[in-house]
Amino acid sequence: MHEMSYAEAILEQVVRLAKENGAKEVKKIKLVIGELLLINPNQLTFCLNAISRGTPMEGAEVEIEFVKPDIRCIKCGRQYDVPLGVCECGGFVSVNGGKEMILKSVVMEVEDAQN
């Protein structure tokens, strides 16, 4: 289950951002994940919930948006849905994107500086 290693990295980033911004609680995070990472959203959310206990991210909503890769032939420009090594025309296929994991937004409750 590679989702746990991704969850650990996400939690580390979110906790760092919360600390830098003086947030006492993270309400929601939004992730953009490339389909080629083969992430199971239920497993990732489960892992995040399990390891975020006792952190500002505990109980935060997790929204995940999956993005398709841009796979196309370098020679003729034909697009594909799955990565292939060689196009029907004989040209090589380029895979652009689809392997990204982006922490797109973090909604947090920041402590009032006057208190």
Protein backbone atom coordinates (compact mmCIF):
# COMPACT_ATOMS: atom_id res chain seq x y z
CA MET A 1 0.00 0.00 0.00
CA HIS A 2 2.02 2.96 -1.29
CA GLU A 3 -0.74 5.34 -0.20
CA MET A 4 0.77 5.46 3.31
CA SER A 5 4.05 6.98 2.10
CA TYR A 6 2.11 9.59 0.14
CA ALA A 7 -0.10 10.28 3.18
CA GLU A 8 2.99 10.82 5.35
CA ALA A 9 4.44 13.32 2.87
CA ILE A 10 1.12 15.18 2.57
CA LEU A 11 0.69 15.35 6.34
CA GLU A 12 4.23 16.68 6.74
CA GLN A 13 3.52 19.49 4.25
CA VAL A 14 0.14 20.38 5.76
CA VAL A 15 1.47 20.45 9.34
CA ARG A 16 4.38 22.65 8.20
CA LEU A 17 1.97 25.06 6.48
CA ALA A 18 -0.30 25.14 9.52
CA LYS A 19 2.65 25.94 11.80
CA GLU A 20 4.00 28.64 9.47
CA ASN A 21 0.58 30.32 9.38
CA GLY A 22 -0.27 29.97 13.06
CA ALA A 23 -3.23 27.71 12.32
CA LYS A 24 -4.75 25.73 15.13
CA GLU A 25 -6.87 23.59 12.82
CA VAL A 26 -6.90 22.47 9.20
CA LYS A 27 -10.47 22.26 7.88
CA LYS A 28 -9.91 20.92 4.36
CA ILE A 29 -7.18 20.01 1.90
CA LYS A 30 -7.48 19.61 -1.85
CA LEU A 31 -5.14 17.32 -3.75
CA VAL A 32 -4.57 16.99 -7.49
CA ILE A 33 -3.28 13.52 -8.34
CA GLY A 34 -2.19 12.10 -11.67
CA GLU A 35 -3.98 8.90 -12.68
CA LEU A 36 -0.70 7.15 -13.48
CA LEU A 37 0.20 7.11 -9.77
CA LEU A 38 -2.58 4.52 -9.33
CA ILE A 39 -3.64 5.99 -5.99
CA ASN A 40 -6.72 4.51 -4.35
CA PRO A 41 -8.55 7.57 -2.95
CA ASN A 42 -10.24 5.58 -0.16
CA GLN A 43 -6.94 4.13 1.02
CA LEU A 44 -5.21 7.52 0.88
CA THR A 45 -8.00 9.16 2.88
CA PHE A 46 -7.94 6.30 5.40
CA CYS A 47 -4.17 6.66 5.83
CA LEU A 48 -4.43 10.44 6.24
CA ASN A 49 -7.15 10.05 8.87
CA ALA A 50 -5.13 7.43 10.75
CA ILE A 51 -1.84 9.34 10.92
CA SER A 52 -3.26 12.84 11.43
CA ARG A 53 -4.59 12.15 14.93
CA GLY A 54 -3.21 14.69 17.36
CA THR A 55 -2.14 17.10 14.59
CA PRO A 56 -3.82 20.26 13.25
CA MET A 57 -5.05 18.14 10.32
CA GLU A 58 -7.07 15.73 12.47
CA GLY A 59 -10.62 15.52 11.11
CA ALA A 60 -9.88 17.61 8.00
CA GLU A 61 -11.89 16.98 4.85
CA VAL A 62 -9.82 15.54 2.00
CA GLU A 63 -10.87 16.38 -1.56
CA ILE A 64 -9.10 14.59 -4.39
CA GLU A 65 -9.17 15.56 -8.06
CA PHE A 66 -7.65 13.09 -10.50
CA VAL A 67 -6.05 14.33 -13.73
CA LYS A 68 -5.41 12.34 -16.87
CA PRO A 69 -1.94 12.24 -18.38
CA ASP A 70 -1.16 13.90 -21.69
CA ILE A 71 0.16 11.01 -23.78
CA ARG A 72 0.98 11.72 -27.41
CA CYS A 73 3.24 10.71 -30.26
CA ILE A 74 6.23 12.98 -30.72
CA LYS A 75 6.15 12.41 -34.49
CA CYS A 76 2.47 12.63 -35.51
CA GLY A 77 0.82 14.08 -32.39
CA ARG A 78 -1.71 11.26 -31.95
CA GLN A 79 -3.08 11.12 -28.41
CA TYR A 80 -3.39 7.98 -26.31
CA ASP A 81 -5.18 7.07 -23.09
CA VAL A 82 -2.49 4.67 -21.86
CA PRO A 83 1.30 4.98 -22.12
CA LEU A 84 2.74 3.02 -25.02
CA GLY A 85 6.36 2.88 -26.11
CA VAL A 86 5.82 3.40 -29.84
CA CYS A 87 2.98 4.94 -31.86
CA GLU A 88 1.37 3.22 -34.85
CA CYS A 89 3.31 5.63 -37.09
CA GLY A 90 6.60 4.42 -35.61
CA GLY A 91 7.23 7.55 -33.54
CA PHE A 92 7.96 7.47 -29.85
CA VAL A 93 5.25 8.33 -27.35
CA SER A 94 5.79 11.08 -24.79
CA VAL A 95 4.07 10.96 -21.40
CA ASN A 96 3.53 14.41 -19.93
CA GLY A 97 1.86 14.59 -16.56
CA GLY A 98 -0.25 11.97 -14.91
CA LYS A 99 2.32 11.28 -12.19
CA GLU A 100 1.91 14.49 -10.22
CA MET A 101 0.64 14.91 -6.68
CA ILE A 102 -0.10 18.54 -5.87
CA LEU A 103 -1.33 19.99 -2.61
CA LYS A 104 -3.60 22.50 -4.34
CA SER A 105 -5.19 24.17 -1.33
CA VAL A 106 -5.34 24.07 2.45
CA VAL A 107 -8.22 25.66 4.35
CA MET A 108 -7.20 26.35 7.93
CA GLU A 109 -8.42 28.19 10.98
CA VAL A 110 -5.79 30.72 12.01
CA GLU A 111 -5.58 31.93 15.59
CA ASP A 112 -6.39 35.59 16.11
CA ALA A 113 -3.13 37.53 16.58
CA GLN A 114 -4.80 39.87 19.10
CA ASN A 115 -5.44 37.08 21.65
